């Protein structure tokens, strides 16, 4: 089973992308974890280490995919 982490900051672009992505991903084939930086700011460094440059982003088996531009990681870190 593939492992995926959906990172977002809670902005409207991110929330829409989360709803859309969760509707498309087959949960029987992909183990998806959702990380909201407003609730888990300690995971920002983890996302950056995985190659996330902006949110929303989906990291699948270590490969980042930037879905749409909601906020840069600098904006996320600076609130």
PDB file of N, CA and C in Angstrom:
ATOM      1  N   UNK A   1       0.850  -1.183   0.000  1.00  0.00           N
ATOM      2  CA  UNK A   1       0.000   0.000   0.000  1.00  0.00           C
ATOM      3  C   UNK A   1       0.892   1.241   0.000  1.00  0.00           C
ATOM      4  N   UNK A   2       0.545   2.192  -0.816  1.00  0.00           N
ATOM      5  CA  UNK A   2       1.285   3.449  -0.874  1.00  0.00           C
ATOM      6  C   UNK A   2       0.961   4.304   0.345  1.00  0.00           C
ATOM      7  N   UNK A   3       1.937   5.107   0.754  1.00  0.00           N
ATOM      8  CA  UNK A   3       1.772   6.043   1.864  1.00  0.00           C
ATOM      9  C   UNK A   3       1.736   7.450   1.293  1.00  0.00           C
ATOM     10  N   UNK A   4       0.746   8.247   1.699  1.00  0.00           N
ATOM     11  CA  UNK A   4       0.635   9.627   1.227  1.00  0.00           C
ATOM     12  C   UNK A   4       0.358  10.538   2.411  1.00  0.00           C
ATOM     13  N   UNK A   5       0.933  11.732   2.353  1.00  0.00           N
ATOM     14  CA  UNK A   5       0.663  12.753   3.368  1.00  0.00           C
ATOM     15  C   UNK A   5       0.206  14.001   2.635  1.00  0.00           C
ATOM     16  N   UNK A   6      -0.971  14.494   3.012  1.00  0.00           N
ATOM     17  CA  UNK A   6      -1.516  15.718   2.437  1.00  0.00           C
ATOM     18  C   UNK A   6      -1.248  16.836   3.428  1.00  0.00           C
ATOM     19  N   UNK A   7      -0.397  17.786   3.034  1.00  0.00           N
ATOM     20  CA  UNK A   7      -0.042  18.914   3.894  1.00  0.00           C
ATOM     21  C   UNK A   7      -0.846  20.136   3.485  1.00  0.00           C
ATOM     22  N   UNK A   8      -1.384  20.846   4.477  1.00  0.00           N
ATOM     23  CA  UNK A   8      -2.079  22.098   4.164  1.00  0.00           C
ATOM     24  C   UNK A   8      -2.087  23.035   5.363  1.00  0.00           C
ATOM     25  N   UNK A   9      -2.478  24.282   5.083  1.00  0.00           N
ATOM     26  CA  UNK A   9      -2.441  25.314   6.121  1.00  0.00           C
ATOM     27  C   UNK A   9      -3.830  25.797   6.529  1.00  0.00           C
ATOM     28  N   UNK A  10      -4.873  25.181   5.989  1.00  0.00           N
ATOM     29  CA  UNK A  10      -6.228  25.547   6.385  1.00  0.00           C
ATOM     30  C   UNK A  10      -6.845  26.680   5.588  1.00  0.00           C
ATOM     31  N   UNK A  11      -6.118  27.217   4.609  1.00  0.00           N
ATOM     32  CA  UNK A  11      -6.670  28.297   3.792  1.00  0.00           C
ATOM     33  C   UNK A  11      -7.753  27.730   2.869  1.00  0.00           C
ATOM     34  N   UNK A  12      -8.594  28.581   2.288  1.00  0.00           N
ATOM     35  CA  UNK A  12      -9.658  28.079   1.418  1.00  0.00           C
ATOM     36  C   UNK A  12      -9.154  27.218   0.250  1.00  0.00           C
ATOM     37  N   UNK A  13      -8.032  27.596  -0.358  1.00  0.00           N
ATOM     38  CA  UNK A  13      -7.468  26.791  -1.451  1.00  0.00           C
ATOM     39  C   UNK A  13      -7.099  25.402  -0.931  1.00  0.00           C
ATOM     40  N   UNK A  14      -6.496  25.356   0.255  1.00  0.00           N
ATOM     41  CA  UNK A  14      -6.072  24.085   0.840  1.00  0.00           C
ATOM     42  C   UNK A  14      -7.266  23.201   1.198  1.00  0.00           C
ATOM     43  N   UNK A  15      -8.274  23.785   1.791  1.00  0.00           N
ATOM     44  CA  UNK A  15      -9.459  23.019   2.196  1.00  0.00           C
ATOM     45  C   UNK A  15     -10.169  22.447   0.972  1.00  0.00           C
ATOM     46  N   UNK A  16     -10.310  23.252  -0.084  1.00  0.00           N
ATOM     47  CA  UNK A  16     -10.920  22.756  -1.319  1.00  0.00           C
ATOM     48  C   UNK A  16     -10.102  21.616  -1.918  1.00  0.00           C
ATOM     49  N   UNK A  17      -8.774  21.771  -1.925  1.00  0.00           N
ATOM     50  CA  UNK A  17      -7.907  20.725  -2.469  1.00  0.00           C
ATOM     51  C   UNK A  17      -8.008  19.450  -1.642  1.00  0.00           C
ATOM     52  N   UNK A  18      -8.099  19.587  -0.324  1.00  0.00           N
ATOM     53  CA  UNK A  18      -8.236  18.402   0.529  1.00  0.00           C
ATOM     54  C   UNK A  18      -9.517  17.648   0.186  1.00  0.00           C
ATOM     55  N   UNK A  19     -10.621  18.354   0.081  1.00  0.00           N
ATOM     56  CA  UNK A  19     -11.900  17.700  -0.253  1.00  0.00           C
ATOM     57  C   UNK A  19     -11.809  16.998  -1.602  1.00  0.00           C
ATOM     58  N   UNK A  20     -11.238  17.675  -2.583  1.00  0.00           N
ATOM     59  CA  UNK A  20     -11.118  17.113  -3.909  1.00  0.00           C
ATOM     60  C   UNK A  20     -10.219  15.883  -3.919  1.00  0.00           C
ATOM     61  N   UNK A  21      -9.037  16.004  -3.318  1.00  0.00           N
ATOM     62  CA  UNK A  21      -8.089  14.891  -3.315  1.00  0.00           C
ATOM     63  C   UNK A  21      -8.630  13.680  -2.562  1.00  0.00           C
ATOM     64  N   UNK A  22      -9.253  13.908  -1.437  1.00  0.00           N
ATOM     65  CA  UNK A  22      -9.769  12.791  -0.657  1.00  0.00           C
ATOM     66  C   UNK A  22     -10.893  12.074  -1.401  1.00  0.00           C
ATOM     67  N   UNK A  23     -11.595  12.803  -2.251  1.00  0.00           N
ATOM     68  CA  UNK A  23     -12.637  12.177  -3.060  1.00  0.00           C
ATOM     69  C   UNK A  23     -12.083  11.322  -4.189  1.00  0.00           C
ATOM     70  N   UNK A  24     -10.867  11.617  -4.637  1.00  0.00           N
ATOM     71  CA  UNK A  24     -10.260  10.897  -5.756  1.00  0.00           C
ATOM     72  C   UNK A  24      -9.360   9.741  -5.330  1.00  0.00           C
ATOM     73  N   UNK A  25      -8.752   9.832  -4.176  1.00  0.00           N
ATOM     74  CA  UNK A  25      -7.814   8.786  -3.762  1.00  0.00           C
ATOM     75  C   UNK A  25      -8.552   7.531  -3.307  1.00  0.00           C
ATOM     76  N   UNK A  26      -8.083   6.403  -3.756  1.00  0.00           N
ATOM     77  CA  UNK A  26      -8.651   5.115  -3.380  1.00  0.00           C
ATOM     78  C   UNK A  26      -8.004   4.693  -2.058  1.00  0.00           C
ATOM     79  N   UNK A  27      -8.762   4.812  -0.982  1.00  0.00           N
ATOM     80  CA  UNK A  27      -8.222   4.519   0.356  1.00  0.00           C
ATOM     81  C   UNK A  27      -7.846   3.048   0.535  1.00  0.00           C
ATOM     82  N   UNK A  28      -8.290   2.174  -0.361  1.00  0.00           N
ATOM     83  CA  UNK A  28      -7.882   0.769  -0.275  1.00  0.00           C
ATOM     84  C   UNK A  28      -6.477   0.571  -0.860  1.00  0.00           C
ATOM     85  N   UNK A  29      -5.980   1.584  -1.596  1.00  0.00           N
ATOM     86  CA  UNK A  29      -4.655   1.491  -2.207  1.00  0.00           C
ATOM     87  C   UNK A  29      -3.657   2.489  -1.644  1.00  0.00           C
ATOM     88  N   UNK A  30      -4.169   3.540  -0.997  1.00  0.00           N
ATOM     89  CA  UNK A  30      -3.311   4.605  -0.486  1.00  0.00           C
ATOM     90  C   UNK A  30      -3.660   4.890   0.970  1.00  0.00           C
ATOM     91  N   UNK A  31      -2.668   4.802   1.827  1.00  0.00           N
ATOM     92  CA  UNK A  31      -2.821   5.170   3.240  1.00  0.00           C
ATOM     93  C   UNK A  31      -2.535   6.665   3.333  1.00  0.00           C
ATOM     94  N   UNK A  32      -3.590   7.466   3.548  1.00  0.00           N
ATOM     95  CA  UNK A  32      -3.466   8.919   3.519  1.00  0.00           C
ATOM     96  C   UNK A  32      -3.514   9.501   4.930  1.00  0.00           C
ATOM     97  N   UNK A  33      -2.557  10.368   5.203  1.00  0.00           N
ATOM     98  CA  UNK A  33      -2.533  11.133   6.452  1.00  0.00           C
ATOM     99  C   UNK A  33      -2.690  12.606   6.085  1.00  0.00           C
ATOM    100  N   UNK A  34      -3.526  13.315   6.813  1.00  0.00           N
ATOM    101  CA  UNK A  34      -3.725  14.741   6.566  1.00  0.00           C
ATOM    102  C   UNK A  34      -3.044  15.522   7.679  1.00  0.00           C
ATOM    103  N   UNK A  35      -2.189  16.474   7.285  1.00  0.00           N
ATOM    104  CA  UNK A  35      -1.471  17.304   8.249  1.00  0.00           C
ATOM    105  C   UNK A  35      -1.866  18.761   8.020  1.00  0.00           C
ATOM    106  N   UNK A  36      -2.506  19.333   9.021  1.00  0.00           N
ATOM    107  CA  UNK A  36      -2.916  20.744   9.006  1.00  0.00           C
ATOM    108  C   UNK A  36      -1.891  21.488   9.862  1.00  0.00           C
ATOM    109  N   UNK A  37      -1.118  22.380   9.229  1.00  0.00           N
ATOM    110  CA  UNK A  37      -0.043  23.056   9.951  1.00  0.00           C
ATOM    111  C   UNK A  37      -0.544  23.955  11.075  1.00  0.00           C
ATOM    112  N   UNK A  38      -1.774  24.429  11.004  1.00  0.00           N
ATOM    113  CA  UNK A  38      -2.334  25.218  12.099  1.00  0.00           C
ATOM    114  C   UNK A  38      -2.498  24.383  13.358  1.00  0.00           C
ATOM    115  N   UNK A  39      -2.727  23.088  13.170  1.00  0.00           N
ATOM    116  CA  UNK A  39      -2.889  22.158  14.293  1.00  0.00           C
ATOM    117  C   UNK A  39      -1.601  21.430  14.642  1.00  0.00           C
ATOM    118  N   UNK A  40      -0.691  21.310  13.669  1.00  0.00           N
ATOM    119  CA  UNK A  40       0.564  20.583  13.873  1.00  0.00           C
ATOM    120  C   UNK A  40       1.745  21.363  13.290  1.00  0.00           C
ATOM    121  N   UNK A  41       2.032  22.548  13.831  1.00  0.00           N
ATOM    122  CA  UNK A  41       3.139  23.343  13.282  1.00  0.00           C
ATOM    123  C   UNK A  41       4.503  22.665  13.411  1.00  0.00           C
ATOM    124  N   UNK A  42       4.622  21.737  14.315  1.00  0.00           N
ATOM    125  CA  UNK A  42       5.901  21.036  14.491  1.00  0.00           C
ATOM    126  C   UNK A  42       6.261  20.179  13.281  1.00  0.00           C
ATOM    127  N   UNK A  43       5.319  19.972  12.369  1.00  0.00           N
ATOM    128  CA  UNK A  43       5.570  19.111  11.207  1.00  0.00           C
ATOM    129  C   UNK A  43       5.985  19.899   9.955  1.00  0.00           C
ATOM    130  N   UNK A  44       6.138  21.216  10.102  1.00  0.00           N
ATOM    131  CA  UNK A  44       6.551  22.044   8.967  1.00  0.00           C
ATOM    132  C   UNK A  44       7.922  21.606   8.453  1.00  0.00           C
ATOM    133  N   UNK A  45       8.867  21.397   9.341  1.00  0.00           N
ATOM    134  CA  UNK A  45      10.219  20.982   8.931  1.00  0.00           C
ATOM    135  C   UNK A  45      10.183  19.637   8.206  1.00  0.00           C
ATOM    136  N   UNK A  46       9.349  18.745   8.654  1.00  0.00           N
ATOM    137  CA  UNK A  46       9.182  17.430   8.001  1.00  0.00           C
ATOM    138  C   UNK A  46       8.736  17.619   6.546  1.00  0.00           C
ATOM    139  N   UNK A  47       7.746  18.497   6.350  1.00  0.00           N
ATOM    140  CA  UNK A  47       7.238  18.750   5.000  1.00  0.00           C
ATOM    141  C   UNK A  47       8.329  19.361   4.125  1.00  0.00           C
ATOM    142  N   UNK A  48       9.056  20.311   4.668  1.00  0.00           N
ATOM    143  CA  UNK A  48      10.144  20.935   3.906  1.00  0.00           C
ATOM    144  C   UNK A  48      11.210  19.909   3.544  1.00  0.00           C
ATOM    145  N   UNK A  49      11.524  19.016   4.457  1.00  0.00           N
ATOM    146  CA  UNK A  49      12.514  17.966   4.186  1.00  0.00           C
ATOM    147  C   UNK A  49      12.043  17.021   3.081  1.00  0.00           C
ATOM    148  N   UNK A  50      10.722  16.882   2.961  1.00  0.00           N
ATOM    149  CA  UNK A  50      10.142  16.027   1.916  1.00  0.00           C
ATOM    150  C   UNK A  50      10.063  16.746   0.570  1.00  0.00           C
ATOM    151  N   UNK A  51      10.438  18.028   0.544  1.00  0.00           N
ATOM    152  CA  UNK A  51      10.442  18.774  -0.709  1.00  0.00           C
ATOM    153  C   UNK A  51       9.237  19.665  -0.931  1.00  0.00           C
ATOM    154  N   UNK A  52       8.391  19.813   0.083  1.00  0.00           N
ATOM    155  CA  UNK A  52       7.212  20.669  -0.055  1.00  0.00           C
ATOM    156  C   UNK A  52       7.659  22.130  -0.074  1.00  0.00           C
ATOM    157  N   UNK A  53       7.273  22.846  -1.131  1.00  0.00           N
ATOM    158  CA  UNK A  53       7.629  24.259  -1.304  1.00  0.00           C
ATOM    159  C   UNK A  53       6.440  25.180  -1.052  1.00  0.00           C
ATOM    160  N   UNK A  54       5.231  24.637  -1.214  1.00  0.00           N
ATOM    161  CA  UNK A  54       4.010  25.402  -0.993  1.00  0.00           C
ATOM    162  C   UNK A  54       2.891  24.425  -0.653  1.00  0.00           C
ATOM    163  N   UNK A  55       1.832  24.956  -0.105  1.00  0.00           N
ATOM    164  CA  UNK A  55       0.672  24.133   0.228  1.00  0.00           C
ATOM    165  C   UNK A  55      -0.540  24.638  -0.542  1.00  0.00           C
ATOM    166  N   UNK A  56      -1.455  23.752  -0.849  1.00  0.00           N
ATOM    167  CA  UNK A  56      -1.512  22.342  -0.485  1.00  0.00           C
ATOM    168  C   UNK A  56      -0.538  21.497  -1.309  1.00  0.00           C
ATOM    169  N   UNK A  57      -0.096  20.427  -0.688  1.00  0.00           N
ATOM    170  CA  UNK A  57       0.810  19.497  -1.362  1.00  0.00           C
ATOM    171  C   UNK A  57       0.526  18.081  -0.878  1.00  0.00           C
ATOM    172  N   UNK A  58       0.714  17.155  -1.770  1.00  0.00           N
ATOM    173  CA  UNK A  58       0.544  15.741  -1.457  1.00  0.00           C
ATOM    174  C   UNK A  58       1.889  15.070  -1.678  1.00  0.00           C
ATOM    175  N   UNK A  59       2.379  14.376  -0.667  1.00  0.00           N
ATOM    176  CA  UNK A  59       3.628  13.633  -0.785  1.00  0.00           C
ATOM    177  C   UNK A  59       3.268  12.152  -0.818  1.00  0.00           C
ATOM    178  N   UNK A  60       3.595  11.501  -1.939  1.00  0.00           N
ATOM    179  CA  UNK A  60       3.282  10.080  -2.115  1.00  0.00           C
ATOM    180  C   UNK A  60       4.594   9.322  -2.218  1.00  0.00           C
ATOM    181  N   UNK A  61       4.792   8.404  -1.293  1.00  0.00           N
ATOM    182  CA  UNK A  61       6.026   7.617  -1.258  1.00  0.00           C
ATOM    183  C   UNK A  61       7.266   8.490  -1.396  1.00  0.00           C
ATOM    184  N   UNK A  62       7.262   9.624  -0.703  1.00  0.00           N
ATOM    185  CA  UNK A  62       8.416  10.506  -0.669  1.00  0.00           C
ATOM    186  C   UNK A  62       8.508  11.510  -1.808  1.00  0.00           C
ATOM    187  N   UNK A  63       7.597  11.461  -2.765  1.00  0.00           N
ATOM    188  CA  UNK A  63       7.603  12.376  -3.910  1.00  0.00           C
ATOM    189  C   UNK A  63       6.549  13.463  -3.706  1.00  0.00           C
ATOM    190  N   UNK A  64       6.956  14.755  -3.628  1.00  0.00           N
ATOM    191  CA  UNK A  64       5.974  15.823  -3.431  1.00  0.00           C
ATOM    192  C   UNK A  64       5.272  16.226  -4.729  1.00  0.00           C
ATOM    193  N   UNK A  65       3.977  16.480  -4.615  1.00  0.00           N
ATOM    194  CA  UNK A  65       3.156  16.980  -5.710  1.00  0.00           C
ATOM    195  C   UNK A  65       2.449  18.235  -5.213  1.00  0.00           C
ATOM    196  N   UNK A  66       2.725  19.339  -5.859  1.00  0.00           N
ATOM    197  CA  UNK A  66       2.120  20.611  -5.472  1.00  0.00           C
ATOM    198  C   UNK A  66       0.839  20.783  -6.274  1.00  0.00           C
ATOM    199  N   UNK A  67      -0.282  20.834  -5.571  1.00  0.00           N
ATOM    200  CA  UNK A  67      -1.590  20.764  -6.204  1.00  0.00           C
ATOM    201  C   UNK A  67      -2.048  22.115  -6.744  1.00  0.00           C
ATOM    202  N   UNK A  68      -1.924  23.121  -5.957  1.00  0.00           N
ATOM    203  CA  UNK A  68      -2.350  24.473  -6.308  1.00  0.00           C
ATOM    204  C   UNK A  68      -1.575  25.386  -5.371  1.00  0.00           C
ATOM    205  N   UNK A  69      -1.546  26.658  -5.643  1.00  0.00           N
ATOM    206  CA  UNK A  69      -0.785  27.534  -4.765  1.00  0.00           C
ATOM    207  C   UNK A  69      -1.713  28.227  -3.787  1.00  0.00           C
ATOM    208  N   UNK A  70      -1.645  27.802  -2.527  1.00  0.00           N
ATOM    209  CA  UNK A  70      -2.392  28.448  -1.454  1.00  0.00           C
ATOM    210  C   UNK A  70      -1.478  29.358  -0.658  1.00  0.00           C
ATOM    211  N   UNK A  71      -0.283  28.843  -0.317  1.00  0.00           N
ATOM    212  CA  UNK A  71       0.693  29.618   0.452  1.00  0.00           C
ATOM    213  C   UNK A  71       2.063  28.963   0.320  1.00  0.00           C
ATOM    214  N   UNK A  72       3.091  29.792   0.311  1.00  0.00           N
ATOM    215  CA  UNK A  72       4.455  29.258   0.309  1.00  0.00           C
ATOM    216  C   UNK A  72       4.772  28.751   1.711  1.00  0.00           C
ATOM    217  N   UNK A  73       5.801  27.943   1.820  1.00  0.00           N
ATOM    218  CA  UNK A  73       6.191  27.459   3.137  1.00  0.00           C
ATOM    219  C   UNK A  73       6.684  28.617   4.002  1.00  0.00           C
ATOM    220  N   UNK A  74       7.274  29.648   3.411  1.00  0.00           N
ATOM    221  CA  UNK A  74       7.674  30.839   4.194  1.00  0.00           C
ATOM    222  C   UNK A  74       6.442  31.508   4.808  1.00  0.00           C
ATOM    223  N   UNK A  75       5.370  31.601   4.035  1.00  0.00           N
ATOM    224  CA  UNK A  75       4.137  32.178   4.564  1.00  0.00           C
ATOM    225  C   UNK A  75       3.566  31.318   5.682  1.00  0.00           C
ATOM    226  N   UNK A  76       3.653  30.007   5.508  1.00  0.00           N
ATOM    227  CA  UNK A  76       3.160  29.087   6.538  1.00  0.00           C
ATOM    228  C   UNK A  76       3.953  29.284   7.834  1.00  0.00           C
ATOM    229  N   UNK A  77       5.280  29.359   7.703  1.00  0.00           N
ATOM    230  CA  UNK A  77       6.131  29.498   8.896  1.00  0.00           C
ATOM    231  C   UNK A  77       5.927  30.833   9.601  1.00  0.00           C
ATOM    232  N   UNK A  78       5.639  31.874   8.839  1.00  0.00           N
ATOM    233  CA  UNK A  78       5.492  33.206   9.417  1.00  0.00           C
ATOM    234  C   UNK A  78       4.058  33.554   9.810  1.00  0.00           C
ATOM    235  N   UNK A  79       3.177  32.598   9.604  1.00  0.00           N
ATOM    236  CA  UNK A  79       1.785  32.765  10.031  1.00  0.00           C
ATOM    237  C   UNK A  79       1.023  33.696   9.217  1.00  0.00           C
TER     238      UNK A  79
END
